[in-house]
PDB file of N, CA and C in Angstrom:
ATOM      1  N   MET A   1       0.727  -1.099  -0.053  1.00  0.00           N
ATOM      2  CA  MET A   1       0.047   0.177  -0.078  1.00  0.00           C
ATOM      3  C   MET A   1       0.796   0.933   0.230  1.00  0.00           C
ATOM      4  N   LEU A   2       0.248   2.159  -1.140  1.00  0.00           N
ATOM      5  CA  LEU A   2       1.414   3.680  -0.612  1.00  0.00           C
ATOM      6  C   LEU A   2       1.219   3.561   0.127  1.00  0.00           C
ATOM      7  N   SER A   3       2.224   4.943   0.664  1.00  0.00           N
ATOM      8  CA  SER A   3       2.463   6.379   1.477  1.00  0.00           C
ATOM      9  C   SER A   3       0.561   7.048   1.256  1.00  0.00           C
ATOM     10  N   THR A   4       0.432   6.981   1.956  1.00  0.00           N
ATOM     11  CA  THR A   4      -0.991   8.893   2.419  1.00  0.00           C
ATOM     12  C   THR A   4      -0.332   9.952   2.010  1.00  0.00           C
ATOM     13  N   THR A   5       1.391  10.070   2.700  1.00  0.00           N
ATOM     14  CA  THR A   5       2.177  11.126   3.498  1.00  0.00           C
ATOM     15  C   THR A   5       3.229  11.256   2.323  1.00  0.00           C
ATOM     16  N   ILE A   6       2.983  12.887   2.356  1.00  0.00           N
ATOM     17  CA  ILE A   6       4.026  13.194   1.093  1.00  0.00           C
ATOM     18  C   ILE A   6       5.414  13.497   1.647  1.00  0.00           C
ATOM     19  N   HIS A   7       6.171  12.740   1.766  1.00  0.00           N
ATOM     20  CA  HIS A   7       7.455  12.975   1.716  1.00  0.00           C
ATOM     21  C   HIS A   7       8.154  13.817   0.808  1.00  0.00           C
ATOM     22  N   ASN A   8       9.819  14.901   1.610  1.00  0.00           N
ATOM     23  CA  ASN A   8      10.717  15.298   0.850  1.00  0.00           C
ATOM     24  C   ASN A   8      11.882  14.406   0.268  1.00  0.00           C
ATOM     25  N   PRO A   9      12.115  13.308   0.040  1.00  0.00           N
ATOM     26  CA  PRO A   9      12.678  12.635  -0.391  1.00  0.00           C
ATOM     27  C   PRO A   9      14.395  13.775  -1.513  1.00  0.00           C
ATOM     28  N   ARG A  10      15.619  13.178  -0.434  1.00  0.00           N
ATOM     29  CA  ARG A  10      16.679  14.022  -0.596  1.00  0.00           C
ATOM     30  C   ARG A  10      17.389  13.140  -1.125  1.00  0.00           C
ATOM     31  N   ARG A  11      18.651  14.271  -1.604  1.00  0.00           N
ATOM     32  CA  ARG A  11      20.053  13.965  -3.127  1.00  0.00           C
ATOM     33  C   ARG A  11      20.923  12.223  -1.479  1.00  0.00           C
ATOM     34  N   GLY A  12      21.105  11.664  -1.292  1.00  0.00           N
ATOM     35  CA  GLY A  12      21.565  10.582  -0.437  1.00  0.00           C
ATOM     36  C   GLY A  12      20.464  10.059   1.320  1.00  0.00           C
ATOM     37  N   GLU A  13      19.759  10.443   1.026  1.00  0.00           N
ATOM     38  CA  GLU A  13      19.491   9.861   1.763  1.00  0.00           C
ATOM     39  C   GLU A  13      18.905   8.296   1.633  1.00  0.00           C
ATOM     40  N   VAL A  14      18.699   7.812   2.609  1.00  0.00           N
ATOM     41  CA  VAL A  14      18.100   6.093   1.900  1.00  0.00           C
ATOM     42  C   VAL A  14      17.112   6.087   2.761  1.00  0.00           C
ATOM     43  N   TRP A  15      16.180   5.329   2.253  1.00  0.00           N
ATOM     44  CA  TRP A  15      14.254   5.210   2.407  1.00  0.00           C
ATOM     45  C   TRP A  15      14.015   3.541   2.197  1.00  0.00           C
ATOM     46  N   ASP A  16      13.672   3.565   2.595  1.00  0.00           N
ATOM     47  CA  ASP A  16      12.285   1.975   2.377  1.00  0.00           C
ATOM     48  C   ASP A  16      11.789   3.011   1.265  1.00  0.00           C
ATOM     49  N   VAL A  17      11.638   2.084   0.298  1.00  0.00           N
ATOM     50  CA  VAL A  17      10.581   2.178  -0.130  1.00  0.00           C
ATOM     51  C   VAL A  17       9.712   0.832  -0.578  1.00  0.00           C
ATOM     52  N   ASP A  18       8.616   1.771  -1.698  1.00  0.00           N
ATOM     53  CA  ASP A  18       7.839  -0.026  -1.761  1.00  0.00           C
ATOM     54  C   ASP A  18       7.067   0.323  -3.276  1.00  0.00           C
ATOM     55  N   PHE A  19       8.659  -1.025  -3.742  1.00  0.00           N
ATOM     56  CA  PHE A  19       8.468  -1.483  -5.288  1.00  0.00           C
ATOM     57  C   PHE A  19       7.250  -2.035  -5.490  1.00  0.00           C
ATOM     58  N   ARG A  20       6.579  -2.792  -4.894  1.00  0.00           N
ATOM     59  CA  ARG A  20       5.839  -3.199  -5.750  1.00  0.00           C
ATOM     60  C   ARG A  20       4.944  -3.508  -6.994  1.00  0.00           C
ATOM     61  N   GLY A  21       4.578  -3.365  -7.438  1.00  0.00           N
ATOM     62  CA  GLY A  21       3.909  -3.055  -9.110  1.00  0.00           C
ATOM     63  C   GLY A  21       4.257  -3.424  -9.783  1.00  0.00           C
ATOM     64  N   TYR A  22       5.565  -4.356 -10.099  1.00  0.00           N
ATOM     65  CA  TYR A  22       6.800  -4.868 -10.979  1.00  0.00           C
ATOM     66  C   TYR A  22       6.580  -5.609 -11.931  1.00  0.00           C
ATOM     67  N   ILE A  23       8.177  -6.018 -12.494  1.00  0.00           N
ATOM     68  CA  ILE A  23       7.263  -6.779 -14.550  1.00  0.00           C
ATOM     69  C   ILE A  23       8.911  -7.042 -13.699  1.00  0.00           C
ATOM     70  N   GLY A  24       9.444  -8.556 -14.987  1.00  0.00           N
ATOM     71  CA  GLY A  24      10.334  -9.900 -14.736  1.00  0.00           C
ATOM     72  C   GLY A  24      11.147  -9.257 -13.750  1.00  0.00           C
ATOM     73  N   THR A  25      12.365  -9.707 -13.758  1.00  0.00           N
ATOM     74  CA  THR A  25      13.272  -9.503 -13.031  1.00  0.00           C
ATOM     75  C   THR A  25      13.361  -7.728 -12.334  1.00  0.00           C
ATOM     76  N   GLU A  26      12.503  -6.783 -12.395  1.00  0.00           N
ATOM     77  CA  GLU A  26      12.853  -6.100 -11.450  1.00  0.00           C
ATOM     78  C   GLU A  26      11.881  -6.191 -10.090  1.00  0.00           C
ATOM     79  N   ILE A  27      12.633  -5.315  -8.815  1.00  0.00           N
ATOM     80  CA  ILE A  27      12.700  -5.340  -7.533  1.00  0.00           C
ATOM     81  C   ILE A  27      10.628  -5.842  -7.069  1.00  0.00           C
ATOM     82  N   GLN A  28      10.342  -6.273  -6.689  1.00  0.00           N
ATOM     83  CA  GLN A  28       9.026  -6.421  -6.423  1.00  0.00           C
ATOM     84  C   GLN A  28       8.921  -6.332  -4.774  1.00  0.00           C
ATOM     85  N   LYS A  29       9.770  -6.030  -4.067  1.00  0.00           N
ATOM     86  CA  LYS A  29       8.972  -5.428  -1.905  1.00  0.00           C
ATOM     87  C   LYS A  29       9.486  -4.308  -1.965  1.00  0.00           C
ATOM     88  N   ILE A  30       9.228  -3.617  -0.528  1.00  0.00           N
ATOM     89  CA  ILE A  30       9.368  -2.953   0.246  1.00  0.00           C
ATOM     90  C   ILE A  30      10.678  -3.178   0.547  1.00  0.00           C
ATOM     91  N   ARG A  31      11.630  -2.366   0.050  1.00  0.00           N
ATOM     92  CA  ARG A  31      13.472  -2.635   0.526  1.00  0.00           C
ATOM     93  C   ARG A  31      14.277  -0.878   0.426  1.00  0.00           C
ATOM     94  N   PRO A  32      15.294  -1.196   0.946  1.00  0.00           N
ATOM     95  CA  PRO A  32      15.629   0.420   0.719  1.00  0.00           C
ATOM     96  C   PRO A  32      16.398   0.658  -0.270  1.00  0.00           C
ATOM     97  N   ALA A  33      16.702   2.339  -0.661  1.00  0.00           N
ATOM     98  CA  ALA A  33      16.882   2.709  -1.704  1.00  0.00           C
ATOM     99  C   ALA A  33      17.697   4.762  -1.182  1.00  0.00           C
ATOM    100  N   VAL A  34      18.593   4.603  -2.174  1.00  0.00           N
ATOM    101  CA  VAL A  34      19.387   5.607  -1.976  1.00  0.00           C
ATOM    102  C   VAL A  34      19.077   6.781  -2.971  1.00  0.00           C
ATOM    103  N   VAL A  35      18.704   8.000  -2.506  1.00  0.00           N
ATOM    104  CA  VAL A  35      18.204   8.873  -4.110  1.00  0.00           C
ATOM    105  C   VAL A  35      18.984   9.260  -4.295  1.00  0.00           C
ATOM    106  N   VAL A  36      19.627   9.283  -5.449  1.00  0.00           N
ATOM    107  CA  VAL A  36      20.455  10.139  -6.762  1.00  0.00           C
ATOM    108  C   VAL A  36      19.789  11.017  -7.491  1.00  0.00           C
ATOM    109  N   ASN A  37      19.108  11.957  -7.794  1.00  0.00           N
ATOM    110  CA  ASN A  37      18.848  12.840  -8.613  1.00  0.00           C
ATOM    111  C   ASN A  37      19.549  14.189  -7.501  1.00  0.00           C
ATOM    112  N   ILE A  38      19.897  15.200  -8.082  1.00  0.00           N
ATOM    113  CA  ILE A  38      19.434  15.882  -7.393  1.00  0.00           C
ATOM    114  C   ILE A  38      18.465  16.670  -5.965  1.00  0.00           C
ATOM    115  N   ASN A  39      19.219  18.280  -5.620  1.00  0.00           N
ATOM    116  CA  ASN A  39      17.506  18.449  -4.729  1.00  0.00           C
ATOM    117  C   ASN A  39      17.182  18.816  -5.530  1.00  0.00           C
ATOM    118  N   SER A  40      17.781  20.252  -6.557  1.00  0.00           N
ATOM    119  CA  SER A  40      17.396  21.623  -7.083  1.00  0.00           C
ATOM    120  C   SER A  40      15.838  20.591  -7.862  1.00  0.00           C
ATOM    121  N   ILE A  41      15.685  20.256  -8.199  1.00  0.00           N
ATOM    122  CA  ILE A  41      14.481  18.898  -8.614  1.00  0.00           C
ATOM    123  C   ILE A  41      12.674  18.652  -7.726  1.00  0.00           C
ATOM    124  N   LYS A  42      13.509  19.813  -6.983  1.00  0.00           N
ATOM    125  CA  LYS A  42      12.642  18.523  -5.172  1.00  0.00           C
ATOM    126  C   LYS A  42      10.603  19.105  -5.905  1.00  0.00           C
ATOM    127  N   HIS A  43      10.869  19.664  -6.490  1.00  0.00           N
ATOM    128  CA  HIS A  43       9.102  20.695  -6.898  1.00  0.00           C
ATOM    129  C   HIS A  43       8.676  19.280  -7.091  1.00  0.00           C
ATOM    130  N   LEU A  44       9.407  18.466  -7.889  1.00  0.00           N
ATOM    131  CA  LEU A  44       8.988  17.323  -8.609  1.00  0.00           C
ATOM    132  C   LEU A  44       8.338  16.106  -7.635  1.00  0.00           C
ATOM    133  N   LYS A  45       7.349  15.503  -8.158  1.00  0.00           N
ATOM    134  CA  LYS A  45       7.224  14.439  -7.346  1.00  0.00           C
ATOM    135  C   LYS A  45       7.065  13.165  -7.464  1.00  0.00           C
ATOM    136  N   ILE A  46       8.470  13.179  -8.120  1.00  0.00           N
ATOM    137  CA  ILE A  46       8.965  11.827  -8.535  1.00  0.00           C
ATOM    138  C   ILE A  46      10.948  12.168  -8.135  1.00  0.00           C
ATOM    139  N   ARG A  47      10.913  11.244  -7.916  1.00  0.00           N
ATOM    140  CA  ARG A  47      12.883  10.826  -7.708  1.00  0.00           C
ATOM    141  C   ARG A  47      13.505   9.419  -8.671  1.00  0.00           C
ATOM    142  N   LEU A  48      14.818   9.862  -8.427  1.00  0.00           N
ATOM    143  CA  LEU A  48      15.126   9.294  -8.769  1.00  0.00           C
ATOM    144  C   LEU A  48      16.265   8.028  -8.026  1.00  0.00           C
ATOM    145  N   ILE A  49      16.419   7.115  -8.008  1.00  0.00           N
ATOM    146  CA  ILE A  49      16.478   6.107  -7.061  1.00  0.00           C
ATOM    147  C   ILE A  49      17.296   5.072  -7.523  1.00  0.00           C
ATOM    148  N   ALA A  50      17.770   4.316  -6.295  1.00  0.00           N
ATOM    149  CA  ALA A  50      19.065   3.045  -6.869  1.00  0.00           C
ATOM    150  C   ALA A  50      18.390   2.003  -5.597  1.00  0.00           C
ATOM    151  N   PRO A  51      18.299   0.964  -5.332  1.00  0.00           N
ATOM    152  CA  PRO A  51      17.536   0.004  -4.675  1.00  0.00           C
ATOM    153  C   PRO A  51      19.280  -0.639  -4.263  1.00  0.00           C
ATOM    154  N   ILE A  52      18.660  -1.041  -3.099  1.00  0.00           N
ATOM    155  CA  ILE A  52      19.940  -1.577  -2.359  1.00  0.00           C
ATOM    156  C   ILE A  52      19.073  -2.477  -1.753  1.00  0.00           C
ATOM    157  N   THR A  53      20.743  -3.962  -1.681  1.00  0.00           N
ATOM    158  CA  THR A  53      20.345  -4.958  -1.859  1.00  0.00           C
ATOM    159  C   THR A  53      21.371  -5.507  -0.018  1.00  0.00           C
ATOM    160  N   SER A  54      20.725  -6.699  -0.643  1.00  0.00           N
ATOM    161  CA  SER A  54      22.387  -7.599   0.726  1.00  0.00           C
ATOM    162  C   SER A  54      23.274  -7.710  -0.001  1.00  0.00           C
ATOM    163  N   TRP A  55      24.707  -6.977   0.137  1.00  0.00           N
ATOM    164  CA  TRP A  55      25.228  -8.261  -0.368  1.00  0.00           C
ATOM    165  C   TRP A  55      26.394  -9.280  -0.605  1.00  0.00           C
ATOM    166  N   ASN A  56      26.851 -10.116  -1.970  1.00  0.00           N
ATOM    167  CA  ASN A  56      26.948 -10.416  -2.335  1.00  0.00           C
ATOM    168  C   ASN A  56      28.374 -10.572  -2.898  1.00  0.00           C
ATOM    169  N   LYS A  57      28.841 -11.561  -3.005  1.00  0.00           N
ATOM    170  CA  LYS A  57      30.850 -11.515  -2.873  1.00  0.00           C
ATOM    171  C   LYS A  57      30.841 -11.444  -4.098  1.00  0.00           C
ATOM    172  N   GLU A  58      29.938 -12.424  -5.281  1.00  0.00           N
ATOM    173  CA  GLU A  58      30.001 -12.417  -6.574  1.00  0.00           C
ATOM    174  C   GLU A  58      29.491 -11.317  -7.033  1.00  0.00           C
ATOM    175  N   TYR A  59      28.904 -10.021  -6.294  1.00  0.00           N
ATOM    176  CA  TYR A  59      29.004  -8.242  -6.634  1.00  0.00           C
ATOM    177  C   TYR A  59      30.950  -7.718  -7.316  1.00  0.00           C
ATOM    178  N   LEU A  60      31.670  -8.403  -6.436  1.00  0.00           N
ATOM    179  CA  LEU A  60      33.228  -7.987  -7.025  1.00  0.00           C
ATOM    180  C   LEU A  60      33.654  -7.557  -7.576  1.00  0.00           C
ATOM    181  N   GLY A  61      33.815  -6.548  -9.197  1.00  0.00           N
ATOM    182  CA  GLY A  61      33.802  -6.174  -9.920  1.00  0.00           C
ATOM    183  C   GLY A  61      32.728  -6.354 -10.660  1.00  0.00           C
ATOM    184  N   LYS A  62      31.680  -5.918 -10.063  1.00  0.00           N
ATOM    185  CA  LYS A  62      30.361  -5.557 -11.378  1.00  0.00           C
ATOM    186  C   LYS A  62      30.616  -3.967 -10.987  1.00  0.00           C
ATOM    187  N   ILE A  63      30.754  -3.047 -12.421  1.00  0.00           N
ATOM    188  CA  ILE A  63      30.621  -1.497 -12.420  1.00  0.00           C
ATOM    189  C   ILE A  63      29.781  -1.300 -12.001  1.00  0.00           C
ATOM    190  N   TRP A  64      28.252  -2.061 -11.350  1.00  0.00           N
ATOM    191  CA  TRP A  64      27.688  -1.487 -11.497  1.00  0.00           C
ATOM    192  C   TRP A  64      26.911  -0.790  -9.709  1.00  0.00           C
ATOM    193  N   ILE A  65      28.008  -2.162  -9.630  1.00  0.00           N
ATOM    194  CA  ILE A  65      27.517  -2.084  -7.786  1.00  0.00           C
ATOM    195  C   ILE A  65      28.158  -1.500  -7.078  1.00  0.00           C
ATOM    196  N   VAL A  66      27.540  -1.178  -6.265  1.00  0.00           N
ATOM    197  CA  VAL A  66      28.544   0.000  -5.183  1.00  0.00           C
ATOM    198  C   VAL A  66      28.533  -0.838  -3.528  1.00  0.00           C
ATOM    199  N   ASN A  67      29.187  -0.970  -2.699  1.00  0.00           N
ATOM    200  CA  ASN A  67      29.162  -1.744  -1.928  1.00  0.00           C
ATOM    201  C   ASN A  67      29.334  -0.930  -0.482  1.00  0.00           C
ATOM    202  N   ILE A  68      28.837  -1.230   0.118  1.00  0.00           N
ATOM    203  CA  ILE A  68      27.556   0.191   1.309  1.00  0.00           C
ATOM    204  C   ILE A  68      28.484  -0.407   2.849  1.00  0.00           C
ATOM    205  N   LYS A  69      29.153  -0.074   3.231  1.00  0.00           N
ATOM    206  CA  LYS A  69      29.213  -1.019   4.886  1.00  0.00           C
ATOM    207  C   LYS A  69      28.352  -0.268   6.095  1.00  0.00           C
ATOM    208  N   PRO A  70      27.952  -1.281   6.118  1.00  0.00           N
ATOM    209  CA  PRO A  70      26.431  -0.624   7.285  1.00  0.00           C
ATOM    210  C   PRO A  70      26.985   0.657   8.528  1.00  0.00           C
ATOM    211  N   SER A  71      26.118   1.249   9.008  1.00  0.00           N
ATOM    212  CA  SER A  71      26.189   2.683   9.820  1.00  0.00           C
ATOM    213  C   SER A  71      24.991   3.053  10.897  1.00  0.00           C
ATOM    214  N   ASP A  72      25.153   3.672  12.162  1.00  0.00           N
ATOM    215  CA  ASP A  72      24.025   4.229  12.339  1.00  0.00           C
ATOM    216  C   ASP A  72      23.717   5.650  11.243  1.00  0.00           C
ATOM    217  N   PHE A  73      25.258   6.062  10.196  1.00  0.00           N
ATOM    218  CA  PHE A  73      24.776   7.013  10.505  1.00  0.00           C
ATOM    219  C   PHE A  73      23.299   6.736   9.149  1.00  0.00           C
ATOM    220  N   ASN A  74      24.164   5.777   7.728  1.00  0.00           N
ATOM    221  CA  ASN A  74      22.944   4.980   6.653  1.00  0.00           C
ATOM    222  C   ASN A  74      21.806   4.458   7.284  1.00  0.00           C
ATOM    223  N   GLY A  75      21.983   4.029   7.656  1.00  0.00           N
ATOM    224  CA  GLY A  75      20.515   3.276   9.143  1.00  0.00           C
ATOM    225  C   GLY A  75      20.086   2.118   8.508  1.00  0.00           C
ATOM    226  N   LEU A  76      21.107   1.251   7.328  1.00  0.00           N
ATOM    227  CA  LEU A  76      22.160   0.186   7.020  1.00  0.00           C
ATOM    228  C   LEU A  76      22.137  -1.133   7.826  1.00  0.00           C
ATOM    229  N   SER A  77      22.060  -2.459   8.423  1.00  0.00           N
ATOM    230  CA  SER A  77      22.343  -2.937   9.292  1.00  0.00           C
ATOM    231  C   SER A  77      23.329  -4.540   8.749  1.00  0.00           C
ATOM    232  N   ARG A  78      22.907  -4.262   7.842  1.00  0.00           N
ATOM    233  CA  ARG A  78      24.426  -5.122   6.944  1.00  0.00           C
ATOM    234  C   ARG A  78      25.354  -4.778   6.287  1.00  0.00           C
ATOM    235  N   GLU A  79      26.212  -5.179   5.418  1.00  0.00           N
ATOM    236  CA  GLU A  79      26.759  -4.534   4.062  1.00  0.00           C
ATOM    237  C   GLU A  79      26.264  -5.140   3.121  1.00  0.00           C
ATOM    238  N   SER A  80      25.930  -3.768   2.652  1.00  0.00           N
ATOM    239  CA  SER A  80      25.499  -4.070   1.397  1.00  0.00           C
ATOM    240  C   SER A  80      25.656  -3.282   0.105  1.00  0.00           C
ATOM    241  N   ALA A  81      24.364  -3.677  -1.381  1.00  0.00           N
ATOM    242  CA  ALA A  81      25.022  -3.437  -2.589  1.00  0.00           C
ATOM    243  C   ALA A  81      23.816  -2.327  -2.577  1.00  0.00           C
ATOM    244  N   VAL A  82      24.064  -1.006  -3.383  1.00  0.00           N
ATOM    245  CA  VAL A  82      23.976  -0.352  -4.485  1.00  0.00           C
ATOM    246  C   VAL A  82      23.731  -0.989  -6.140  1.00  0.00           C
ATOM    247  N   ASP A  83      22.275  -0.878  -6.511  1.00  0.00           N
ATOM    248  CA  ASP A  83      22.523  -1.807  -7.576  1.00  0.00           C
ATOM    249  C   ASP A  83      21.861  -0.647  -9.131  1.00  0.00           C
ATOM    250  N   THR A  84      23.358  -0.382  -9.369  1.00  0.00           N
ATOM    251  CA  THR A  84      22.559   0.785  -9.717  1.00  0.00           C
ATOM    252  C   THR A  84      21.793   0.683 -11.242  1.00  0.00           C
ATOM    253  N   MET A  85      21.971  -0.962 -12.091  1.00  0.00           N
ATOM    254  CA  MET A  85      21.185  -0.855 -13.362  1.00  0.00           C
ATOM    255  C   MET A  85      20.406  -0.819 -12.610  1.00  0.00           C
ATOM    256  N   GLN A  86      19.528  -0.677 -11.748  1.00  0.00           N
ATOM    257  CA  GLN A  86      18.053  -0.737 -11.632  1.00  0.00           C
ATOM    258  C   GLN A  86      17.705   0.506 -11.277  1.00  0.00           C
ATOM    259  N   ILE A  87      18.586   1.572 -11.337  1.00  0.00           N
ATOM    260  CA  ILE A  87      17.762   2.935 -10.755  1.00  0.00           C
ATOM    261  C   ILE A  87      16.615   3.205 -11.589  1.00  0.00           C
ATOM    262  N   LYS A  88      15.453   4.501 -11.090  1.00  0.00           N
ATOM    263  CA  LYS A  88      14.746   4.062 -11.621  1.00  0.00           C
ATOM    264  C   LYS A  88      13.745   5.247 -10.781  1.00  0.00           C
ATOM    265  N   GLY A  89      12.735   6.311 -11.719  1.00  0.00           N
ATOM    266  CA  GLY A  89      11.823   7.255 -11.265  1.00  0.00           C
ATOM    267  C   GLY A  89      11.677   6.210 -10.082  1.00  0.00           C
ATOM    268  N   ALA A  90      10.729   7.491  -8.851  1.00  0.00           N
ATOM    269  CA  ALA A  90      10.305   6.353  -8.109  1.00  0.00           C
ATOM    270  C   ALA A  90       8.775   7.969  -7.579  1.00  0.00           C
ATOM    271  N   ASP A  91       7.448   8.051  -7.317  1.00  0.00           N
ATOM    272  CA  ASP A  91       6.999   8.098  -7.388  1.00  0.00           C
ATOM    273  C   ASP A  91       7.111   8.894  -5.811  1.00  0.00           C
ATOM    274  N   VAL A  92       7.256  10.023  -5.079  1.00  0.00           N
ATOM    275  CA  VAL A  92       7.037  10.240  -3.390  1.00  0.00           C
ATOM    276  C   VAL A  92       6.996   9.406  -2.216  1.00  0.00           C
ATOM    277  N   GLN A  93       4.996   9.027  -3.145  1.00  0.00           N
ATOM    278  CA  GLN A  93       4.174   8.096  -2.657  1.00  0.00           C
ATOM    279  C   GLN A  93       4.696   6.842  -1.332  1.00  0.00           C
ATOM    280  N   ARG A  94       5.662   6.593  -2.511  1.00  0.00           N
ATOM    281  CA  ARG A  94       5.856   5.359  -3.184  1.00  0.00           C
ATOM    282  C   ARG A  94       7.826   4.940  -1.572  1.00  0.00           C
ATOM    283  N   PHE A  95       7.728   5.901  -1.403  1.00  0.00           N
ATOM    284  CA  PHE A  95       8.830   6.043   0.055  1.00  0.00           C
ATOM    285  C   PHE A  95       8.273   6.011   1.233  1.00  0.00           C
ATOM    286  N   VAL A  96       8.239   5.120   2.531  1.00  0.00           N
ATOM    287  CA  VAL A  96       8.299   4.783   3.107  1.00  0.00           C
ATOM    288  C   VAL A  96       7.881   5.080   5.011  1.00  0.00           C
ATOM    289  N   LYS A  97       9.515   5.197   4.969  1.00  0.00           N
ATOM    290  CA  LYS A  97      10.471   5.457   6.270  1.00  0.00           C
ATOM    291  C   LYS A  97      11.776   6.100   5.770  1.00  0.00           C
ATOM    292  N   LYS A  98      12.358   6.613   6.131  1.00  0.00           N
ATOM    293  CA  LYS A  98      13.498   7.523   6.045  1.00  0.00           C
ATOM    294  C   LYS A  98      14.409   5.994   7.171  1.00  0.00           C
ATOM    295  N   ARG A  99      15.844   5.750   6.677  1.00  0.00           N
ATOM    296  CA  ARG A  99      16.125   5.358   7.170  1.00  0.00           C
ATOM    297  C   ARG A  99      17.479   5.716   7.634  1.00  0.00           C
ATOM    298  N   GLY A 100      18.711   6.803   6.848  1.00  0.00           N
ATOM    299  CA  GLY A 100      19.631   7.814   7.282  1.00  0.00           C
ATOM    300  C   GLY A 100      20.686   8.398   5.749  1.00  0.00           C
ATOM    301  N   GLN A 101      21.289   8.932   6.371  1.00  0.00           N
ATOM    302  CA  GLN A 101      22.051   9.105   4.862  1.00  0.00           C
ATOM    303  C   GLN A 101      23.315   8.683   4.837  1.00  0.00           C
ATOM    304  N   PHE A 102      23.387   8.451   3.165  1.00  0.00           N
ATOM    305  CA  PHE A 102      25.501   7.968   2.273  1.00  0.00           C
ATOM    306  C   PHE A 102      25.578   9.269   2.590  1.00  0.00           C
ATOM    307  N   THR A 103      26.998   8.823   3.015  1.00  0.00           N
ATOM    308  CA  THR A 103      28.086  10.032   2.586  1.00  0.00           C
ATOM    309  C   THR A 103      28.678  10.959   1.731  1.00  0.00           C
ATOM    310  N   ALA A 104      28.797  11.395   1.353  1.00  0.00           N
ATOM    311  CA  ALA A 104      29.681  12.216  -0.258  1.00  0.00           C
ATOM    312  C   ALA A 104      30.527  11.245  -0.502  1.00  0.00           C
ATOM    313  N   VAL A 105      31.367  11.164  -0.376  1.00  0.00           N
ATOM    314  CA  VAL A 105      31.809   9.795  -0.712  1.00  0.00           C
ATOM    315  C   VAL A 105      31.637   8.530  -1.213  1.00  0.00           C
ATOM    316  N   GLN A 106      29.789   8.394  -0.737  1.00  0.00           N
ATOM    317  CA  GLN A 106      30.030   7.314  -0.925  1.00  0.00           C
ATOM    318  C   GLN A 106      28.443   7.509  -2.245  1.00  0.00           C
ATOM    319  N   MET A 107      28.109   8.948  -2.155  1.00  0.00           N
ATOM    320  CA  MET A 107      27.477   9.312  -3.280  1.00  0.00           C
ATOM    321  C   MET A 107      28.695   9.096  -4.393  1.00  0.00           C
ATOM    322  N   ASP A 108      29.644   9.529  -4.791  1.00  0.00           N
ATOM    323  CA  ASP A 108      30.821   9.755  -5.960  1.00  0.00           C
ATOM    324  C   ASP A 108      30.655   8.903  -5.993  1.00  0.00           C
ATOM    325  N   ASP A 109      31.536   7.634  -5.749  1.00  0.00           N
ATOM    326  CA  ASP A 109      31.020   6.518  -5.261  1.00  0.00           C
ATOM    327  C   ASP A 109      29.942   5.577  -6.828  1.00  0.00           C
ATOM    328  N   ILE A 110      29.150   5.847  -6.309  1.00  0.00           N
ATOM    329  CA  ILE A 110      26.963   6.340  -6.848  1.00  0.00           C
ATOM    330  C   ILE A 110      27.507   6.657  -8.039  1.00  0.00           C
ATOM    331  N   THR A 111      27.995   7.928  -7.921  1.00  0.00           N
ATOM    332  CA  THR A 111      27.707   8.662  -9.626  1.00  0.00           C
ATOM    333  C   THR A 111      28.709   8.333  -9.663  1.00  0.00           C
ATOM    334  N   ALA A 112      29.323   7.574  -9.706  1.00  0.00           N
ATOM    335  CA  ALA A 112      30.581   7.592 -10.883  1.00  0.00           C
ATOM    336  C   ALA A 112      30.177   5.488 -11.605  1.00  0.00           C
ATOM    337  N   ALA A 113      29.846   4.816 -10.884  1.00  0.00           N
ATOM    338  CA  ALA A 113      29.077   3.419 -11.366  1.00  0.00           C
ATOM    339  C   ALA A 113      27.715   3.903 -12.198  1.00  0.00           C
ATOM    340  N   ILE A 114      26.572   4.842 -11.831  1.00  0.00           N
ATOM    341  CA  ILE A 114      25.968   5.745 -13.206  1.00  0.00           C
ATOM    342  C   ILE A 114      26.623   5.637 -14.211  1.00  0.00           C
ATOM    343  N   ALA A 115      27.608   6.163 -14.152  1.00  0.00           N
ATOM    344  CA  ALA A 115      28.088   6.741 -15.078  1.00  0.00           C
ATOM    345  C   ALA A 115      29.291   6.424 -15.949  1.00  0.00           C
ATOM    346  N   ALA A 116      29.777   4.618 -15.113  1.00  0.00           N
ATOM    347  CA  ALA A 116      30.267   4.047 -15.619  1.00  0.00           C
ATOM    348  C   ALA A 116      29.225   3.506 -17.084  1.00  0.00           C
ATOM    349  N   ILE A 117      27.917   3.259 -16.242  1.00  0.00           N
ATOM    350  CA  ILE A 117      26.831   1.992 -17.127  1.00  0.00           C
ATOM    351  C   ILE A 117      26.424   2.257 -17.892  1.00  0.00           C
ATOM    352  N   ILE A 118      26.313   4.183 -18.522  1.00  0.00           N
ATOM    353  CA  ILE A 118      25.866   5.115 -19.494  1.00  0.00           C
ATOM    354  C   ILE A 118      27.330   4.852 -20.256  1.00  0.00           C
ATOM    355  N   ASP A 119      28.366   4.550 -19.569  1.00  0.00           N
ATOM    356  CA  ASP A 119      29.520   5.126 -20.932  1.00  0.00           C
ATOM    357  C   ASP A 119      29.195   6.835 -21.076  1.00  0.00           C
ATOM    358  N   TYR A 120      29.063   7.281 -19.983  1.00  0.00           N
ATOM    359  CA  TYR A 120      29.405   9.143 -19.662  1.00  0.00           C
ATOM    360  C   TYR A 120      30.957   9.211 -18.919  1.00  0.00           C
ATOM    361  N   GLN A 121      31.425  10.395 -20.299  1.00  0.00           N
ATOM    362  CA  GLN A 121      33.179  10.458 -19.709  1.00  0.00           C
ATOM    363  C   GLN A 121      33.333  11.795 -19.250  1.00  0.00           C
TER     364      GLN A 121
END
């Protein structure tokens, strides 16, 4: 069920996001995600997000996966992976609960992964 509370998620924040309503191999449940779009377009009711999943050693060397260690600051309880191949736009109604925030260095790593997968130079 989508939230009736309208949130204002900002770049670098980690939120639980409702991904239900999927096709194929898209993520299909409530799970954490990080907001990757810039804050100056906050007037739109949609955010560009990258989902977060549990870390798997098979992700080593994958240019689209960013390893994230858990911390009180980011709200993650275990080693995780940001999957930039599944970035998508999500309406703010899909944002359930704020968990925390990534550091500027972590956001730089995520931005670099996105640039790598689109071959931006």
